[in-house]
């Protein structure tokens, strides 16, 4: 699956995190805001970048494959 084919409701700009766990029927992926700074298109997530640092919490993405 290509990241560009992912339906993106959060404005992550086509980023597709590899799963690191599960939550019931959802896969859970982890993204660092600093690693995706240039690809974020959501104004809310861009605002979070002002507070992000190397030791900050990752963005957890819950998703399923259809």
N, C-alpha and C. Protein backbone atom coordinates (compact mmCIF):
# COMPACT_ATOMS: atom_id res chain seq x y z
N UNK A 1 0.84 -1.18 0.00
CA UNK A 1 0.00 0.00 0.00
C UNK A 1 0.89 1.24 0.00
N UNK A 2 0.56 2.20 -0.82
CA UNK A 2 1.32 3.44 -0.87
C UNK A 2 0.69 4.47 0.07
N UNK A 3 1.54 5.27 0.71
CA UNK A 3 1.05 6.28 1.64
C UNK A 3 0.11 7.26 0.96
N UNK A 4 0.32 7.55 -0.30
CA UNK A 4 -0.53 8.51 -1.02
C UNK A 4 -1.96 8.00 -1.16
N UNK A 5 -2.17 6.69 -1.04
CA UNK A 5 -3.50 6.11 -1.19
C UNK A 5 -4.30 6.12 0.12
N UNK A 6 -3.69 6.57 1.19
CA UNK A 6 -4.35 6.56 2.49
C UNK A 6 -5.33 7.71 2.60
N UNK A 7 -6.56 7.42 3.04
CA UNK A 7 -7.52 8.48 3.32
C UNK A 7 -7.08 9.17 4.59
N UNK A 8 -6.95 10.47 4.53
CA UNK A 8 -6.33 11.24 5.59
C UNK A 8 -7.32 12.23 6.20
N UNK A 9 -7.91 11.85 7.34
CA UNK A 9 -8.88 12.72 8.00
C UNK A 9 -8.22 13.72 8.95
N UNK A 10 -6.93 13.56 9.21
CA UNK A 10 -6.24 14.41 10.18
C UNK A 10 -5.34 15.46 9.56
N UNK A 11 -5.20 15.46 8.25
CA UNK A 11 -4.33 16.43 7.62
C UNK A 11 -2.86 16.12 7.81
N UNK A 12 -2.52 14.85 7.81
CA UNK A 12 -1.12 14.45 7.99
C UNK A 12 -0.34 14.46 6.69
N UNK A 13 -0.97 14.79 5.60
CA UNK A 13 -0.25 14.90 4.35
C UNK A 13 0.18 13.58 3.74
N UNK A 14 -0.63 12.54 3.89
CA UNK A 14 -0.33 11.26 3.26
C UNK A 14 0.69 10.41 4.01
N UNK A 15 1.00 10.76 5.25
CA UNK A 15 1.92 9.94 6.04
C UNK A 15 1.21 8.67 6.48
N UNK A 16 1.93 7.60 6.51
CA UNK A 16 1.34 6.31 6.86
C UNK A 16 2.25 5.62 7.87
N UNK A 17 1.88 5.66 9.15
CA UNK A 17 2.74 5.04 10.15
C UNK A 17 2.63 3.52 10.14
N UNK A 18 3.74 2.87 10.28
CA UNK A 18 3.72 1.42 10.43
C UNK A 18 3.10 1.07 11.78
N UNK A 19 2.31 0.01 11.84
CA UNK A 19 1.66 -0.33 13.11
C UNK A 19 2.68 -0.76 14.16
N UNK A 20 2.45 -0.30 15.39
CA UNK A 20 3.29 -0.69 16.52
C UNK A 20 2.47 -1.45 17.56
N UNK A 21 1.15 -1.54 17.33
CA UNK A 21 0.28 -2.25 18.25
C UNK A 21 -1.14 -2.25 17.73
N UNK A 22 -2.05 -2.75 18.56
CA UNK A 22 -3.46 -2.80 18.19
C UNK A 22 -4.30 -2.27 19.35
N UNK A 23 -5.50 -1.81 19.01
CA UNK A 23 -6.51 -1.40 19.99
C UNK A 23 -7.83 -1.93 19.47
N UNK A 24 -8.27 -3.04 20.02
CA UNK A 24 -9.42 -3.79 19.54
C UNK A 24 -9.22 -4.10 18.06
N UNK A 25 -10.05 -3.54 17.16
CA UNK A 25 -9.92 -3.87 15.74
C UNK A 25 -9.12 -2.83 14.96
N UNK A 26 -8.47 -1.91 15.65
CA UNK A 26 -7.69 -0.86 14.99
C UNK A 26 -6.19 -1.11 15.13
N UNK A 27 -5.44 -0.71 14.12
CA UNK A 27 -4.00 -0.72 14.21
C UNK A 27 -3.55 0.62 14.78
N UNK A 28 -2.46 0.62 15.53
CA UNK A 28 -1.95 1.85 16.13
C UNK A 28 -0.56 2.10 15.58
N UNK A 29 -0.38 3.30 15.03
CA UNK A 29 0.92 3.72 14.53
C UNK A 29 1.40 4.93 15.30
N UNK A 30 2.69 5.20 15.25
CA UNK A 30 3.28 6.30 15.99
C UNK A 30 4.07 7.19 15.04
N UNK A 31 3.84 8.50 15.10
CA UNK A 31 4.57 9.46 14.28
C UNK A 31 5.15 10.55 15.18
N UNK A 32 6.36 10.97 14.90
CA UNK A 32 6.96 12.09 15.59
C UNK A 32 6.62 13.37 14.83
N UNK A 33 6.14 14.39 15.53
CA UNK A 33 5.82 15.65 14.86
C UNK A 33 7.04 16.24 14.17
N UNK A 34 8.20 16.10 14.77
CA UNK A 34 9.40 16.69 14.18
C UNK A 34 9.80 15.98 12.90
N UNK A 35 9.50 14.68 12.78
CA UNK A 35 9.84 13.93 11.58
C UNK A 35 8.92 14.25 10.41
N UNK A 36 7.75 14.80 10.69
CA UNK A 36 6.78 15.05 9.64
C UNK A 36 6.46 16.52 9.47
N UNK A 37 7.31 17.38 9.97
CA UNK A 37 7.07 18.83 9.98
C UNK A 37 6.69 19.39 8.63
N UNK A 38 7.38 19.01 7.58
CA UNK A 38 7.15 19.58 6.25
C UNK A 38 5.90 19.02 5.57
N UNK A 39 5.39 17.89 6.04
CA UNK A 39 4.27 17.24 5.36
C UNK A 39 2.92 17.53 6.01
N UNK A 40 2.91 18.11 7.20
CA UNK A 40 1.65 18.36 7.89
C UNK A 40 0.86 19.44 7.17
N UNK A 41 -0.44 19.17 6.94
CA UNK A 41 -1.29 20.17 6.31
C UNK A 41 -2.38 20.67 7.25
N UNK A 42 -2.56 20.04 8.39
CA UNK A 42 -3.56 20.45 9.36
C UNK A 42 -3.06 21.63 10.18
N UNK A 43 -3.84 22.74 10.23
CA UNK A 43 -3.42 23.89 11.04
C UNK A 43 -3.27 23.55 12.53
N UNK A 44 -4.12 22.64 13.03
CA UNK A 44 -4.04 22.26 14.44
C UNK A 44 -2.73 21.54 14.75
N UNK A 45 -2.33 20.62 13.86
CA UNK A 45 -1.08 19.91 14.08
C UNK A 45 0.13 20.83 13.87
N UNK A 46 0.03 21.75 12.93
CA UNK A 46 1.12 22.71 12.74
C UNK A 46 1.32 23.55 13.99
N UNK A 47 0.23 23.90 14.67
CA UNK A 47 0.32 24.67 15.91
C UNK A 47 1.03 23.86 17.00
N UNK A 48 0.85 22.55 16.99
CA UNK A 48 1.52 21.69 17.98
C UNK A 48 3.03 21.68 17.79
N UNK A 49 3.50 21.93 16.57
CA UNK A 49 4.93 21.93 16.30
C UNK A 49 5.67 22.98 17.12
N UNK A 50 5.00 24.06 17.47
CA UNK A 50 5.63 25.12 18.26
C UNK A 50 6.04 24.63 19.64
N UNK A 51 5.37 23.58 20.11
CA UNK A 51 5.64 23.04 21.45
C UNK A 51 6.41 21.72 21.39
N UNK A 52 6.67 21.22 20.21
CA UNK A 52 7.31 19.90 20.07
C UNK A 52 8.81 19.99 20.29
N UNK A 53 9.35 18.94 20.88
CA UNK A 53 10.80 18.80 21.00
C UNK A 53 11.17 17.33 20.82
N UNK A 54 12.44 17.03 20.82
CA UNK A 54 12.90 15.66 20.57
C UNK A 54 12.34 14.65 21.57
N UNK A 55 12.08 15.09 22.80
CA UNK A 55 11.61 14.18 23.84
C UNK A 55 10.10 14.20 24.01
N UNK A 56 9.40 14.94 23.14
CA UNK A 56 7.96 15.07 23.24
C UNK A 56 7.23 13.78 22.90
N UNK A 57 5.95 13.78 23.20
CA UNK A 57 5.11 12.62 22.91
C UNK A 57 4.86 12.50 21.42
N UNK A 58 4.81 11.28 20.92
CA UNK A 58 4.49 11.09 19.49
C UNK A 58 3.00 11.26 19.25
N UNK A 59 2.63 11.41 18.00
CA UNK A 59 1.23 11.40 17.60
C UNK A 59 0.87 9.95 17.36
N UNK A 60 -0.14 9.46 18.08
CA UNK A 60 -0.62 8.09 17.86
C UNK A 60 -1.74 8.15 16.84
N UNK A 61 -1.65 7.29 15.85
CA UNK A 61 -2.63 7.23 14.78
C UNK A 61 -3.33 5.88 14.84
N UNK A 62 -4.65 5.92 14.98
CA UNK A 62 -5.46 4.70 15.03
C UNK A 62 -6.13 4.55 13.67
N UNK A 63 -5.97 3.40 13.05
CA UNK A 63 -6.51 3.24 11.71
C UNK A 63 -6.84 1.77 11.45
N UNK A 64 -7.58 1.54 10.36
CA UNK A 64 -7.84 0.18 9.91
C UNK A 64 -7.61 0.11 8.42
N UNK A 65 -7.44 -1.07 7.93
CA UNK A 65 -7.25 -1.31 6.50
C UNK A 65 -8.54 -1.91 5.96
N UNK A 66 -9.04 -1.31 4.90
CA UNK A 66 -10.29 -1.80 4.31
C UNK A 66 -10.02 -2.44 2.98
